[in-house]
Amino acid sequence: IETEQVAQERGLTVCTLEQLGGRLDIAIDGADQVDEQGWLIKGGGAAHTREKIVAWSAERFIVIVSPEKLVAELRAPVPLELLKFGLSATLSALPPAEPRDAPLSPDGNVIADYFGDVGDPRSLASRLSSTPGVVEHGIFAPELVSEVIVGEGERTRRIAGAKALPR
């Protein structure tokens, strides 16, 4: 929402995803963590639900990070967007998850963090997605990513993502 406001203030035309038919040619964003298999954690800024929809809607999703964002394996915290209704029940199903002392998400939901072991990201993503009350989580599968660009001073390094592979 803040990006949209700044763009409009600068005279740019802003379209909704719906106005574009639900598809984008390209989306570019950052990430909080990128592991060796191409899994991402996003959502430090609490917009991971919208970011995941944009990534999924894009023909090419490019992630740009600095070298310190590269990790051997993902680690907590994993951002969560949770419904306000039944919040205590949802949190009790996901120990150790805690609500952030932060504003609600752009869509009016509670932002929280999961502090447990990430282990196998696909398994944890499935567990989080199947927990009632979880709107979305910040684990992004490699299948969403076309490429990761790592900025290293004046040079960049490209890592092909699963979305870029022939299907």
Protein backbone atom coordinates (compact mmCIF):
# COMPACT_ATOMS: atom_id res chain seq x y z
CA ILE A 1 0.00 0.00 0.00
CA GLU A 2 2.87 2.40 0.81
CA THR A 3 4.56 1.61 -2.52
CA GLU A 4 1.29 2.29 -4.33
CA GLN A 5 0.93 5.65 -2.58
CA VAL A 6 4.50 6.70 -3.38
CA ALA A 7 4.09 5.65 -7.02
CA GLN A 8 0.90 7.68 -7.36
CA GLU A 9 2.52 10.71 -5.69
CA ARG A 10 5.26 10.51 -8.32
CA GLY A 11 2.73 10.46 -11.15
CA LEU A 12 2.89 6.77 -12.01
CA THR A 13 -0.23 4.90 -13.07
CA VAL A 14 -0.97 2.07 -10.66
CA CYS A 15 -3.12 -0.87 -11.78
CA THR A 16 -4.59 -3.58 -9.64
CA LEU A 17 -3.76 -7.21 -10.30
CA GLU A 18 -7.40 -7.67 -11.30
CA GLN A 19 -7.12 -4.87 -13.90
CA LEU A 20 -4.19 -6.79 -15.40
CA GLY A 21 -6.21 -9.98 -15.70
CA GLY A 22 -4.51 -11.61 -12.73
CA ARG A 23 -1.22 -12.14 -14.60
CA LEU A 24 2.08 -10.27 -14.64
CA ASP A 25 4.97 -10.59 -17.07
CA ILE A 26 7.52 -10.02 -14.32
CA ALA A 27 7.72 -9.30 -10.60
CA ILE A 28 10.85 -8.26 -8.74
CA ASP A 29 11.26 -8.31 -4.97
CA GLY A 30 13.72 -9.04 -2.19
CA ALA A 31 13.81 -11.79 0.42
CA ASP A 32 14.82 -12.15 4.05
CA GLN A 33 16.53 -15.52 3.47
CA VAL A 34 17.40 -17.69 0.44
CA ASP A 35 18.65 -21.23 1.02
CA GLU A 36 20.80 -23.44 -1.22
CA GLN A 37 17.74 -25.19 -2.71
CA GLY A 38 16.05 -21.89 -3.63
CA TRP A 39 13.56 -21.75 -0.76
CA LEU A 40 12.82 -18.24 0.50
CA ILE A 41 11.57 -16.63 3.64
CA LYS A 42 9.82 -13.35 3.00
CA GLY A 43 7.60 -11.20 5.12
CA GLY A 44 9.80 -9.22 7.43
CA GLY A 45 7.76 -6.24 6.25
CA ALA A 46 4.47 -8.07 6.92
CA ALA A 47 3.18 -8.15 3.33
CA HIS A 48 4.05 -11.77 2.51
CA THR A 49 0.49 -12.78 1.59
CA ARG A 50 0.28 -10.13 -1.10
CA GLU A 51 3.89 -10.80 -2.13
CA LYS A 52 3.12 -14.51 -2.58
CA ILE A 53 0.08 -13.73 -4.72
CA VAL A 54 2.19 -11.41 -6.89
CA ALA A 55 4.98 -14.02 -7.21
CA TRP A 56 2.49 -16.73 -8.15
CA SER A 57 0.83 -14.42 -10.70
CA ALA A 58 4.09 -13.49 -12.42
CA GLU A 59 5.44 -15.31 -15.44
CA ARG A 60 8.91 -14.47 -14.08
CA PHE A 61 9.58 -13.77 -10.40
CA ILE A 62 13.05 -12.38 -9.78
CA VAL A 63 14.46 -12.03 -6.27
CA ILE A 64 17.29 -9.59 -5.56
CA VAL A 65 19.30 -10.03 -2.35
CA SER A 66 22.61 -9.11 -0.79
CA PRO A 67 25.05 -11.94 0.07
CA GLU A 68 24.13 -12.03 3.78
CA LYS A 69 20.61 -13.16 2.82
CA LEU A 70 22.03 -16.46 1.51
CA VAL A 71 21.81 -19.23 4.11
CA ALA A 72 22.66 -22.94 4.16
CA GLU A 73 19.16 -23.67 5.46
CA LEU A 74 16.17 -21.56 6.41
CA ARG A 75 15.75 -20.59 10.04
CA ALA A 76 13.14 -18.92 12.19
CA PRO A 77 11.39 -16.62 12.41
CA VAL A 78 8.86 -17.46 9.72
CA PRO A 79 6.32 -14.65 9.24
CA LEU A 80 2.65 -15.58 9.54
CA GLU A 81 -0.54 -13.75 8.69
CA LEU A 82 -3.36 -14.96 10.94
CA LEU A 83 -7.06 -14.28 11.19
CA LYS A 84 -8.10 -12.29 14.25
CA PHE A 85 -10.99 -14.70 14.82
CA GLY A 86 -9.75 -17.69 16.83
CA LEU A 87 -6.26 -16.22 17.17
CA SER A 88 -5.48 -17.95 20.47
CA ALA A 89 -6.55 -21.32 19.04
CA THR A 90 -4.38 -20.80 15.96
CA LEU A 91 -1.37 -19.76 18.03
CA SER A 92 -1.80 -22.75 20.37
CA ALA A 93 -1.64 -25.05 17.33
CA LEU A 94 1.69 -23.54 16.26
CA PRO A 95 4.00 -23.38 19.25
CA PRO A 96 6.23 -21.45 19.44
CA ALA A 97 4.42 -18.77 17.41
CA GLU A 98 3.90 -15.29 18.79
CA PRO A 99 2.06 -12.24 17.49
CA ARG A 100 4.28 -9.33 16.52
CA ASP A 101 3.93 -5.99 18.23
CA ALA A 102 3.11 -4.50 14.86
CA PRO A 103 0.21 -3.03 12.91
CA LEU A 104 -2.25 -5.38 11.21
CA SER A 105 -1.49 -6.64 7.70
CA PRO A 106 -2.67 -4.56 4.72
CA ASP A 107 -5.75 -6.82 4.72
CA GLY A 108 -6.52 -6.39 8.42
CA ASN A 109 -5.03 -9.60 9.76
CA VAL A 110 -2.62 -10.25 12.65
CA ILE A 111 1.08 -10.58 11.87
CA ALA A 112 2.94 -13.19 13.90
CA ASP A 113 6.18 -15.15 13.73
CA TYR A 114 6.79 -18.89 14.00
CA PHE A 115 9.95 -19.48 16.05
CA GLY A 116 10.20 -23.28 15.81
CA ASP A 117 12.62 -25.35 13.76
CA VAL A 118 12.11 -24.94 10.03
CA GLY A 119 13.69 -28.31 9.14
CA ASP A 120 12.18 -29.39 5.82
CA PRO A 121 10.65 -26.19 4.40
CA ARG A 122 8.10 -28.06 2.25
CA SER A 123 6.83 -30.00 5.26
CA LEU A 124 6.60 -26.92 7.47
CA ALA A 125 4.91 -24.91 4.70
CA SER A 126 2.32 -27.66 4.35
CA ARG A 127 1.75 -27.78 8.11
CA LEU A 128 1.35 -24.02 8.35
CA SER A 129 -0.97 -23.88 5.33
CA SER A 130 -3.20 -26.59 6.76
CA THR A 131 -3.61 -24.92 10.15
CA PRO A 132 -7.01 -23.20 10.42
CA GLY A 133 -6.60 -19.48 10.94
CA VAL A 134 -3.34 -19.21 9.01
CA VAL A 135 -4.03 -16.91 6.08
CA GLU A 136 -0.50 -17.31 4.70
CA HIS A 137 3.10 -17.90 5.76
CA GLY A 138 6.40 -16.47 4.58
CA ILE A 139 7.92 -19.67 3.15
CA PHE A 140 8.17 -19.40 -0.64
CA ALA A 141 8.83 -22.58 -2.61
CA PRO A 142 11.55 -22.66 -5.30
CA GLU A 143 8.81 -23.28 -7.88
CA LEU A 144 7.74 -19.63 -7.49
CA VAL A 145 11.22 -18.24 -8.26
CA SER A 146 12.63 -17.68 -11.75
CA GLU A 147 16.01 -16.46 -10.59
CA VAL A 148 17.83 -14.98 -7.63
CA ILE A 149 20.24 -12.13 -8.26
CA VAL A 150 22.86 -11.64 -5.57
CA GLY A 151 24.43 -8.19 -5.45
CA GLU A 152 28.10 -8.43 -4.52
CA GLY A 153 29.57 -4.94 -4.60
CA GLU A 154 29.73 -3.84 -8.21
CA ARG A 155 29.11 -7.37 -9.46
CA THR A 156 26.07 -9.58 -9.46
CA ARG A 157 25.65 -13.32 -9.44
CA ARG A 158 22.60 -15.09 -10.84
CA ILE A 159 21.13 -18.29 -9.47
CA ALA A 160 18.50 -19.96 -11.67
CA GLY A 161 15.28 -20.76 -9.89
CA ALA A 162 12.92 -23.65 -10.46
CA LYS A 163 10.41 -21.46 -12.33
CA ALA A 164 13.08 -20.75 -14.97
CA LEU A 165 13.64 -24.43 -15.74
CA PRO A 166 11.93 -25.90 -18.83
CA ARG A 167 8.57 -27.42 -18.00
